[in-house]
């Protein structure tokens, strides 16, 4: 007679006593995503994670595949999280630019009307611009403290890992064993046997199984009784998920480890590891570090969402920049018309108001040239990137969505520019209807603006055509 639960104990979740034993005496293995999360934590939380790893330094083991993936992806993760600060820094720069463009002429006008001294005028401008400059400096300091702004510089996190993991990293599989492992990974993927079958469409779909296979071999070699496997890859080919809630390791993995090594498996994510390290290892882990670990992206999110989110960010930046260029061009039209209208009445007008209008016009024209140059560079870069992406994955649905959004945005901007052009044409026609011989300063200014608007419209239409040609959207299938 067998016991009621003994033959099926791999279905039973580990209790607190088992977790305590595993944390205090078992072999502890970390997946790649956990090690890379060190770059995603804020500095204080990162130090607590590294210190927690230090408390179990004699019981850590790193699969060779994990070490390989860590080094392969390290620079990309550093770059991604360093780049996360750039939209904030750029936004502050834009605010500063807007203040310079819009506020300084008004302050200059105030100084003239209220007879402010140059010192008072400079102090007023300094108070306004100083706030944004201070915020930008703070963001830049946080960026440098959080990550590694120089990819070629020293990497203290890598140095700490080298201290922790040197001599505790497993060997690579030999060629024959590797071929057999890849074949087994394929068999498992075909039959949805964990781990790794959810990665079947990845460029290297066998990665998770190689990590697991190397872990099984090491557990058998060390003859351990408990294994803690820490991974933030929360897909259901690692974890058992019931009604949306992760409850523990997949029973198939628990049984496989028991059958091959006799060891008990305890699987947990980074948050759970930090919590139990505080409970059972006396590690210094603050509630803030626990909170940060909960909001970090999962392995799948970090891998899958990064290209899409970057494309979405670039599309939004392009839309925003195009609208700013359009706004500057429209303001130039209004300012030139206002100046021309005053000079038509008095060609010698050199009043303060005309001077202010001319000064503002120069500022806006300079800003429009700078923004237009940035816009053209972004458009050229995006077209190049999209051509490369098309070669890599012609069936990428997110790319189609982003191209569709870009087409819609550029179409809207083109239509807006067309409306401005038509308005200028109508204004000129209206003046010439009254006086066909009109060659006033105003009509010349309007004609000049019309030419500029037509040139801009031509460029937009050309860009729109190139975008449509480079990325034809698929026709919808008919429904029956």
Protein backbone atom coordinates (compact mmCIF):
# COMPACT_ATOMS: atom_id res chain seq x y z
CA UNK A 1 0.00 0.00 0.00
CA UNK A 2 1.30 3.45 -0.93
CA UNK A 3 0.54 6.65 0.89
CA UNK A 4 -2.28 8.87 -0.28
CA UNK A 5 -0.06 11.84 -1.25
CA UNK A 6 3.45 10.36 -1.53
CA UNK A 7 3.16 9.28 -5.22
CA UNK A 8 1.74 12.69 -6.14
CA UNK A 9 3.71 15.03 -3.89
CA UNK A 10 4.97 17.00 -6.89
CA UNK A 11 1.45 18.49 -7.04
CA UNK A 12 1.72 19.79 -3.46
CA UNK A 13 3.00 23.33 -3.08
CA UNK A 14 6.00 23.82 -0.74
CA UNK A 15 5.05 24.97 2.76
CA UNK A 16 6.89 27.59 4.80
CA UNK A 17 9.12 25.00 6.45
CA UNK A 18 10.25 23.73 3.03
CA UNK A 19 10.88 27.28 1.80
CA UNK A 20 12.89 28.08 4.94
CA UNK A 21 15.04 24.97 4.50
CA UNK A 22 15.56 25.71 0.81
CA UNK A 23 16.54 29.32 1.47
CA UNK A 24 18.92 28.53 4.32
CA UNK A 25 20.61 25.38 3.01
CA UNK A 26 19.63 24.68 -0.59
CA UNK A 27 21.33 25.41 -3.88
CA UNK A 28 20.10 28.76 -5.28
CA UNK A 29 20.03 29.31 -9.04
CA UNK A 30 19.17 32.60 -10.74
CA UNK A 31 17.74 33.02 -14.22
CA UNK A 32 19.13 35.68 -16.57
CA UNK A 33 16.29 38.13 -16.00
CA UNK A 34 17.02 38.28 -12.26
CA UNK A 35 20.67 39.19 -12.82
CA UNK A 36 19.77 41.81 -15.42
CA UNK A 37 17.27 43.37 -13.00
CA UNK A 38 20.25 44.72 -11.06
CA UNK A 39 20.55 47.34 -13.80
CA UNK A 40 16.84 48.17 -13.57
CA UNK A 41 16.75 48.86 -9.83
CA UNK A 42 17.41 52.32 -8.41
CA UNK A 43 20.89 52.52 -6.80
CA UNK A 44 19.79 51.92 -3.18
CA UNK A 45 17.54 48.98 -4.09
CA UNK A 46 20.25 47.57 -6.33
CA UNK A 47 22.71 47.56 -3.46
CA UNK A 48 20.22 45.68 -1.28
CA UNK A 49 19.77 43.06 -4.01
CA UNK A 50 23.52 42.60 -4.37
CA UNK A 51 23.91 42.40 -0.58
CA UNK A 52 21.19 39.75 -0.43
CA UNK A 53 23.10 37.73 -3.02
CA UNK A 54 26.20 38.12 -0.88
CA UNK A 55 24.49 36.37 2.06
CA UNK A 56 24.20 33.17 -0.02
CA UNK A 57 27.44 33.47 -2.00
CA UNK A 58 28.56 29.97 -0.98
CA UNK A 59 25.32 28.38 -2.26
CA UNK A 60 24.80 30.28 -5.53
CA UNK A 61 25.25 28.52 -8.84
CA UNK A 62 24.89 30.10 -12.31
CA UNK A 63 24.11 27.94 -15.37
CA UNK A 64 26.47 28.56 -18.27
CA UNK A 65 23.52 29.52 -20.44
CA UNK A 66 22.45 32.19 -17.93
CA UNK A 67 25.95 33.67 -17.89
CA UNK A 68 26.02 33.72 -21.70
CA UNK A 69 22.61 35.41 -22.00
CA UNK A 70 23.55 37.94 -19.31
CA UNK A 71 26.67 39.06 -21.16
CA UNK A 72 24.86 39.07 -24.50
CA UNK A 73 22.01 41.30 -23.27
CA UNK A 74 23.81 43.43 -20.66
CA UNK A 75 24.65 46.43 -22.85
CA UNK A 76 21.15 46.50 -24.35
CA UNK A 77 19.54 46.60 -20.90
CA UNK A 78 21.91 49.36 -19.76
CA UNK A 79 21.13 51.37 -22.88
CA UNK A 80 17.35 50.89 -22.53
CA UNK A 81 17.17 52.08 -18.96
CA UNK A 82 19.58 54.91 -19.58
CA UNK A 83 17.38 55.98 -22.51
CA UNK A 84 14.27 55.96 -20.27
CA UNK A 85 15.45 59.28 -18.82
CA UNK A 86 15.90 60.94 -22.20
CA UNK A 87 12.20 61.77 -22.89
CA UNK A 88 12.07 63.67 -19.59
CA UNK A 89 15.31 65.49 -20.28
CA UNK A 90 14.16 66.26 -23.85
CA UNK A 91 10.78 67.50 -22.58
CA UNK A 92 12.51 69.87 -20.17
CA UNK A 93 14.68 71.13 -23.01
CA UNK A 94 11.57 71.73 -25.11
CA UNK A 95 9.96 73.65 -22.25
CA UNK A 96 13.10 75.74 -21.94
CA UNK A 97 13.08 76.37 -25.68
CA UNK A 98 9.42 77.35 -25.56
CA UNK A 99 10.12 79.73 -22.69
CA UNK A 100 12.94 81.28 -24.67
CA UNK A 101 10.77 81.59 -27.77
CA UNK A 102 7.61 82.91 -26.15
CA UNK A 103 8.49 84.45 -22.81
CA UNK A 104 11.68 86.38 -23.51
CA UNK A 105 10.08 88.67 -26.15
CA UNK A 106 7.24 89.38 -23.72
CA UNK A 107 9.69 90.14 -20.93
CA UNK A 108 11.57 92.41 -23.34
CA UNK A 109 8.29 94.16 -24.15
CA UNK A 110 7.55 94.51 -20.42
CA UNK A 111 11.05 95.92 -19.82
CA UNK A 112 10.48 98.56 -22.49
CA UNK A 113 7.04 99.57 -21.25
CA UNK A 114 7.82 99.43 -17.53
CA UNK A 115 11.32 100.87 -17.86
CA UNK A 116 12.97 97.84 -16.22
CA UNK A 117 16.73 97.88 -15.95
CA UNK A 118 18.82 95.29 -17.79
CA UNK A 119 19.60 93.67 -14.43
CA UNK A 120 15.91 93.38 -13.51
CA UNK A 121 15.11 91.97 -16.94
CA UNK A 122 17.94 89.40 -16.67
CA UNK A 123 16.87 88.40 -13.15
CA UNK A 124 13.30 87.81 -14.31
CA UNK A 125 14.43 85.65 -17.22
CA UNK A 126 16.90 83.82 -14.98
CA UNK A 127 14.24 82.93 -12.40
CA UNK A 128 12.06 81.32 -15.07
CA UNK A 129 14.78 79.50 -17.01
CA UNK A 130 16.61 78.47 -13.84
CA UNK A 131 13.73 76.25 -12.71
CA UNK A 132 13.76 74.14 -15.86
CA UNK A 133 17.54 74.04 -15.97
CA UNK A 134 17.60 72.82 -12.36
CA UNK A 135 15.03 70.11 -13.15
CA UNK A 136 17.01 69.00 -16.22
CA UNK A 137 20.21 68.84 -14.16
CA UNK A 138 18.46 66.78 -11.48
CA UNK A 139 17.12 64.35 -14.10
CA UNK A 140 20.58 64.03 -15.64
CA UNK A 141 22.14 63.33 -12.21
CA UNK A 142 19.50 60.66 -11.52
CA UNK A 143 20.21 59.14 -14.92
CA UNK A 144 23.91 58.88 -14.17
CA UNK A 145 23.29 57.50 -10.68
CA UNK A 146 20.75 54.93 -11.89
CA UNK A 147 22.63 53.48 -14.83
CA UNK A 148 25.85 53.61 -16.72
CA UNK A 149 25.74 56.57 -19.08
CA UNK A 150 29.02 55.48 -20.72
CA UNK A 151 28.72 51.94 -22.10
CA UNK A 152 32.51 51.79 -22.48
CA UNK A 153 33.18 52.86 -18.92
CA UNK A 154 33.54 50.77 -15.80
CA UNK A 155 30.62 48.57 -14.81
CA UNK A 156 30.49 48.14 -11.01
CA UNK A 157 27.54 45.73 -11.26
CA UNK A 158 29.48 43.41 -13.56
CA UNK A 159 32.45 43.65 -11.20
CA UNK A 160 30.26 42.59 -8.24
CA UNK A 161 28.84 39.67 -10.21
CA UNK A 162 32.35 38.57 -11.14
CA UNK A 163 33.25 38.51 -7.43
CA UNK A 164 30.09 36.57 -6.58
CA UNK A 165 29.97 34.11 -9.46
CA UNK A 166 33.59 33.37 -10.39
CA UNK A 167 34.08 29.68 -9.68
CA UNK A 168 30.32 29.16 -9.33
CA UNK A 169 29.37 29.22 -13.00
CA UNK A 170 28.75 25.92 -14.76
CA UNK A 171 30.49 24.70 -17.92
CA UNK A 172 28.91 24.72 -21.36
CA UNK A 173 27.51 21.47 -22.72
CA UNK A 174 29.80 19.66 -25.11
CA UNK A 175 28.80 19.50 -28.76
CA UNK A 176 27.09 16.12 -28.54
CA UNK A 177 25.18 16.96 -25.35
CA UNK A 178 24.18 20.32 -26.81
CA UNK A 179 22.73 18.69 -29.93
CA UNK A 180 20.78 16.24 -27.78
CA UNK A 181 19.52 19.07 -25.54
CA UNK A 182 18.34 21.13 -28.52
CA UNK A 183 16.53 18.09 -29.93
CA UNK A 184 14.88 17.51 -26.54
CA UNK A 185 13.89 21.18 -26.35
CA UNK A 186 12.22 20.85 -29.74
CA UNK A 187 10.38 17.71 -28.65
CA UNK A 188 9.13 19.47 -25.55
CA UNK A 189 8.04 22.52 -27.52
CA UNK A 190 6.11 20.31 -29.95
CA UNK A 191 4.33 18.62 -27.04
CA UNK A 192 4.05 21.70 -24.78
CA UNK A 193 6.22 20.20 -22.07
CA UNK A 194 7.85 22.77 -19.78
CA UNK A 195 10.05 24.69 -19.70
CA UNK A 196 10.42 26.91 -22.73
CA UNK A 197 7.66 25.89 -25.09
CA UNK A 198 6.25 29.42 -24.93
CA UNK A 199 9.48 30.62 -26.56
CA UNK A 200 9.00 28.49 -29.68
CA UNK A 201 8.93 31.59 -31.92
CA UNK A 202 12.05 33.16 -30.41
CA UNK A 203 15.31 33.21 -32.40
CA UNK A 204 16.79 30.73 -29.88
CA UNK A 205 13.75 28.82 -28.57
CA UNK A 206 15.85 26.29 -26.68
CA UNK A 207 17.35 28.78 -24.18
CA UNK A 208 15.05 28.01 -21.23
CA UNK A 209 15.51 24.28 -21.59
CA UNK A 210 19.31 24.64 -21.69
CA UNK A 211 19.14 26.57 -18.40
CA UNK A 212 16.95 23.85 -16.90
CA UNK A 213 19.09 20.98 -18.25
CA UNK A 214 22.29 22.49 -16.89
CA UNK A 215 20.56 23.06 -13.53
CA UNK A 216 19.45 19.41 -13.37
CA UNK A 217 22.99 18.22 -14.08
CA UNK A 218 24.46 20.45 -11.36
CA UNK A 219 21.80 19.47 -8.82
CA UNK A 220 22.61 15.80 -9.44
CA UNK A 221 26.36 16.45 -9.22
CA UNK A 222 26.07 18.25 -5.88
CA UNK A 223 23.50 15.76 -4.53
CA UNK A 224 21.39 18.53 -3.06
CA UNK A 225 18.14 18.15 -1.12
CA UNK A 226 16.56 21.49 -2.05
CA UNK A 227 16.77 23.77 -5.07
CA UNK A 228 15.62 27.39 -5.18
CA UNK A 229 15.16 28.50 -8.78
CA UNK A 230 14.60 32.25 -9.07
CA UNK A 231 13.11 33.58 -12.31
CA UNK A 232 10.92 36.51 -13.26
CA UNK A 233 9.87 34.78 -16.46
CA UNK A 234 6.26 34.47 -15.33
CA UNK A 235 4.93 32.50 -18.30
CA UNK A 236 3.07 29.27 -17.71
CA UNK A 237 5.87 27.12 -19.11
CA UNK A 238 7.71 27.77 -15.84
CA UNK A 239 4.95 28.55 -13.36
CA UNK A 240 1.64 26.93 -12.54
CA UNK A 241 -1.00 29.62 -13.05
CA UNK A 242 -4.53 29.07 -11.77
CA UNK A 243 -7.24 31.60 -12.65
CA UNK A 244 -4.61 34.21 -13.38
CA UNK A 245 -2.71 33.68 -10.12
CA UNK A 246 0.81 32.26 -10.03
CA UNK A 247 0.94 29.58 -7.33
CA UNK A 248 4.29 27.83 -7.85
CA UNK A 249 6.46 25.79 -10.19
CA UNK A 250 4.90 23.62 -12.86
CA UNK A 251 4.31 20.12 -11.34
CA UNK A 252 6.14 18.56 -14.31
CA UNK A 253 9.31 20.43 -13.33
CA UNK A 254 8.95 19.47 -9.66
CA UNK A 255 8.56 15.81 -10.63
CA UNK A 256 11.48 15.89 -13.08
CA UNK A 257 13.83 17.31 -10.46
CA UNK A 258 12.63 14.75 -7.88
CA UNK A 259 13.06 11.85 -10.30
CA UNK A 260 16.54 12.85 -11.48
CA UNK A 261 18.07 14.21 -8.26
CA UNK A 262 15.69 13.53 -5.36
CA UNK A 263 15.65 17.26 -4.57
CA UNK A 264 12.66 19.45 -3.72
CA UNK A 265 12.06 22.40 -6.06
CA UNK A 266 11.07 25.83 -4.79
CA UNK A 267 10.51 28.34 -7.58
CA UNK A 268 10.07 32.07 -6.95
CA UNK A 269 10.37 35.44 -8.64
CA UNK A 270 12.67 38.30 -7.64
CA UNK A 271 10.13 39.85 -5.26
CA UNK A 272 9.58 36.56 -3.44
CA UNK A 273 13.33 35.95 -3.20
CA UNK A 274 13.93 39.37 -1.64
CA UNK A 275 11.08 38.84 0.82
CA UNK A 276 12.33 35.42 1.94
CA UNK A 277 15.94 36.64 2.04
CA UNK A 278 14.80 39.25 4.55
CA UNK A 279 12.78 36.67 6.51
CA UNK A 280 15.26 33.77 6.66
CA UNK A 281 18.71 35.19 5.81
CA UNK A 282 18.56 38.46 7.80
CA UNK A 283 19.24 40.38 4.59
CA UNK A 284 18.66 44.14 4.70
CA UNK A 285 15.77 44.55 2.27
CA UNK A 286 13.57 47.63 2.55
CA UNK A 287 9.88 47.82 1.62
CA UNK A 288 10.88 50.21 -1.17
CA UNK A 289 13.13 47.57 -2.74
CA UNK A 290 10.29 45.05 -2.54
CA UNK A 291 8.03 47.60 -4.22
CA UNK A 292 10.52 48.26 -7.01
CA UNK A 293 10.87 44.55 -7.68
CA UNK A 294 7.11 44.27 -8.09
CA UNK A 295 6.93 46.93 -10.81
CA UNK A 296 9.96 45.84 -12.82
CA UNK A 297 9.09 44.46 -16.27
CA UNK A 298 8.98 40.69 -16.56
CA UNK A 299 11.44 38.89 -18.78
CA UNK A 300 8.90 38.63 -21.59
CA UNK A 301 7.96 42.29 -21.27
CA UNK A 302 11.57 43.41 -21.28
CA UNK A 303 12.29 41.40 -24.43
CA UNK A 304 9.06 41.82 -26.38
CA UNK A 305 7.91 45.33 -25.55
CA UNK A 306 11.18 47.17 -25.97
CA UNK A 307 11.26 47.34 -29.79
CA UNK A 308 7.54 48.12 -30.00
CA UNK A 309 7.68 50.77 -27.27
CA UNK A 310 10.73 52.33 -28.94
CA UNK A 311 8.89 52.46 -32.27
CA UNK A 312 5.86 54.01 -30.60
CA UNK A 313 8.08 56.56 -28.87
CA UNK A 314 9.77 57.47 -32.17
CA UNK A 315 6.39 57.83 -33.88
CA UNK A 316 5.11 60.09 -31.09
CA UNK A 317 8.31 62.16 -31.26
CA UNK A 318 7.91 62.52 -35.02
CA UNK A 319 4.26 63.58 -34.67
CA UNK A 320 5.08 66.09 -31.95
CA UNK A 321 8.03 67.57 -33.81
CA UNK A 322 6.05 67.86 -37.05
CA UNK A 323 3.30 69.74 -35.21
CA UNK A 324 5.84 72.10 -33.67
CA UNK A 325 7.33 72.84 -37.10
CA UNK A 326 3.84 73.44 -38.45
CA UNK A 327 3.05 75.77 -35.55
CA UNK A 328 6.25 77.76 -36.12
CA UNK A 329 5.49 78.08 -39.85
CA UNK A 330 1.99 79.34 -39.17
CA UNK A 331 3.29 81.84 -36.61
CA UNK A 332 5.84 83.08 -39.15
CA UNK A 333 3.02 83.67 -41.61
CA UNK A 334 1.02 85.64 -39.05
CA UNK A 335 4.02 87.74 -37.93
CA UNK A 336 5.11 88.58 -41.47
CA UNK A 337 1.54 89.56 -42.38
CA UNK A 338 1.31 91.76 -39.26
CA UNK A 339 4.60 93.50 -40.07
CA UNK A 340 3.60 93.95 -43.72
CA UNK A 341 0.25 95.40 -42.69
CA UNK A 342 1.95 98.03 -40.49
CA UNK A 343 4.51 98.90 -43.15
CA UNK A 344 1.82 99.30 -45.78
CA UNK A 345 0.37 102.13 -43.71
CA UNK A 346 3.76 103.59 -42.84
CA UNK A 347 6.77 102.17 -44.76
CA UNK A 348 9.11 104.03 -42.40
CA UNK A 349 7.50 102.63 -39.24
CA UNK A 350 10.29 101.90 -36.73
CA UNK A 351 8.20 101.88 -33.59
CA UNK A 352 8.85 99.61 -30.59
CA UNK A 353 5.94 97.39 -31.59
CA UNK A 354 7.41 96.80 -35.06
CA UNK A 355 10.80 96.12 -33.51
CA UNK A 356 9.24 93.58 -31.15
CA UNK A 357 7.41 91.91 -34.04
CA UNK A 358 10.62 91.74 -36.06
CA UNK A 359 12.56 90.39 -33.10
CA UNK A 360 9.91 87.76 -32.50
CA UNK A 361 9.93 86.87 -36.20
CA UNK A 362 13.69 86.28 -36.14
CA UNK A 363 13.38 84.05 -33.06
CA UNK A 364 10.56 81.99 -34.58
CA UNK A 365 12.34 81.67 -37.94
CA UNK A 366 15.50 80.45 -36.22
CA UNK A 367 13.50 78.00 -34.14
CA UNK A 368 11.62 76.75 -37.24
CA UNK A 369 14.88 76.10 -39.10
CA UNK A 370 16.32 74.12 -36.18
CA UNK A 371 13.15 72.10 -35.70
CA UNK A 372 12.76 71.43 -39.43
CA UNK A 373 16.33 70.15 -39.58
CA UNK A 374 15.67 67.78 -36.67
CA UNK A 375 12.42 66.66 -38.28
CA UNK A 376 14.13 65.80 -41.56
CA UNK A 377 16.79 63.80 -39.74
CA UNK A 378 14.16 61.89 -37.77
CA UNK A 379 12.18 61.12 -40.92
CA UNK A 380 15.27 59.83 -42.73
CA UNK A 381 16.27 57.74 -39.71
CA UNK A 382 12.79 56.28 -39.31
CA UNK A 383 12.57 55.31 -42.97
CA UNK A 384 15.95 53.58 -42.72
CA UNK A 385 14.97 51.72 -39.54
CA UNK A 386 11.64 50.66 -41.01
CA UNK A 387 13.35 49.28 -44.13
CA UNK A 388 15.63 47.17 -41.92
CA UNK A 389 12.72 45.99 -39.78
CA UNK A 390 10.79 44.95 -42.90
CA UNK A 391 13.65 42.65 -43.91
CA UNK A 392 13.70 41.07 -40.44
CA UNK A 393 9.99 40.42 -39.96
CA UNK A 394 7.50 41.06 -42.72
CA UNK A 395 4.63 39.69 -40.64
CA UNK A 396 5.14 41.85 -37.52
CA UNK A 397 1.67 43.09 -36.60
CA UNK A 398 2.94 45.79 -34.17
CA UNK A 399 5.01 47.28 -37.04
CA UNK A 400 1.87 47.51 -39.17
CA UNK A 401 0.11 49.31 -36.34
CA UNK A 402 2.97 51.79 -35.97
CA UNK A 403 3.16 52.39 -39.73
CA UNK A 404 -0.59 52.92 -39.78
CA UNK A 405 -0.28 55.51 -36.99
CA UNK A 406 2.60 57.23 -38.79
CA UNK A 407 0.61 57.34 -42.04
CA UNK A 408 -2.38 58.78 -40.21
CA UNK A 409 -0.25 61.39 -38.45
CA UNK A 410 1.62 62.50 -41.58
CA UNK A 411 -1.67 62.56 -43.52
CA UNK A 412 -3.20 64.85 -40.89
CA UNK A 413 -0.19 67.17 -40.98
CA UNK A 414 -0.27 67.21 -44.79
CA UNK A 415 -3.96 68.08 -44.82
CA UNK A 416 -3.36 70.86 -42.31
CA UNK A 417 -0.55 72.27 -44.46
CA UNK A 418 -2.80 72.00 -47.53
CA UNK A 419 -5.49 73.98 -45.70
CA UNK A 420 -2.97 76.73 -44.82
CA UNK A 421 -1.84 76.83 -48.46
CA UNK A 422 -5.42 77.13 -49.69
CA UNK A 423 -6.11 79.90 -47.14
CA UNK A 424 -3.12 81.89 -48.40
CA UNK A 425 -4.22 81.36 -52.01
CA UNK A 426 -7.72 82.58 -51.11
CA UNK A 427 -6.32 85.65 -49.29
CA UNK A 428 -4.21 86.60 -52.31
CA UNK A 429 -7.10 86.02 -54.72
CA UNK A 430 -9.37 88.15 -52.55
CA UNK A 431 -6.92 91.09 -52.62
CA UNK A 432 -6.34 90.77 -56.37
CA UNK A 433 -10.07 90.64 -57.01
CA UNK A 434 -10.32 94.13 -55.51
CA UNK A 435 -7.14 95.42 -57.15
CA UNK A 436 -5.62 93.19 -59.88
CA UNK A 437 -2.53 95.40 -59.95
CA UNK A 438 -1.91 95.15 -56.20
CA UNK A 439 1.84 94.88 -55.61
CA UNK A 440 1.90 96.08 -52.05
CA UNK A 441 4.24 94.85 -49.33
CA UNK A 442 1.38 92.80 -47.92
CA UNK A 443 0.66 90.97 -51.19
CA UNK A 444 4.36 90.29 -51.67
CA UNK A 445 4.62 88.88 -48.14
CA UNK A 446 1.57 86.69 -48.72
CA UNK A 447 3.03 85.40 -51.98
CA UNK A 448 6.30 84.64 -50.25
CA UNK A 449 4.46 82.74 -47.53
CA UNK A 450 2.43 80.91 -50.16
CA UNK A 451 5.60 79.76 -51.89
CA UNK A 452 7.05 78.57 -48.58
CA UNK A 453 3.82 76.77 -47.72
CA UNK A 454 3.67 75.14 -51.16
CA UNK A 455 7.27 73.94 -50.79
CA UNK A 456 6.46 72.49 -47.37
CA UNK A 457 3.34 70.82 -48.75
CA UNK A 458 5.34 69.29 -51.59
CA UNK A 459 7.86 67.83 -49.13
CA UNK A 460 5.11 66.43 -46.93
CA UNK A 461 3.33 64.84 -49.88
CA UNK A 462 6.61 63.35 -51.06
CA UNK A 463 7.33 61.93 -47.60
CA UNK A 464 3.81 60.54 -47.35
CA UNK A 465 4.18 58.84 -50.73
CA UNK A 466 7.53 57.35 -49.69
CA UNK A 467 6.04 56.06 -46.45
CA UNK A 468 3.13 54.45 -48.28
CA UNK A 469 5.45 52.89 -50.86
CA UNK A 470 7.84 51.55 -48.22
CA UNK A 471 5.06 50.06 -46.10
CA UNK A 472 1.95 49.11 -48.08
CA UNK A 473 -0.68 48.04 -45.61
CA UNK A 474 -2.23 44.60 -46.28
CA UNK A 475 -5.65 44.49 -47.84
CA UNK A 476 -8.43 43.30 -45.60
CA UNK A 477 -9.70 39.85 -46.34
CA UNK A 478 -13.33 39.72 -47.28
CA UNK A 479 -15.69 38.24 -44.73
CA UNK A 480 -18.07 35.53 -45.82
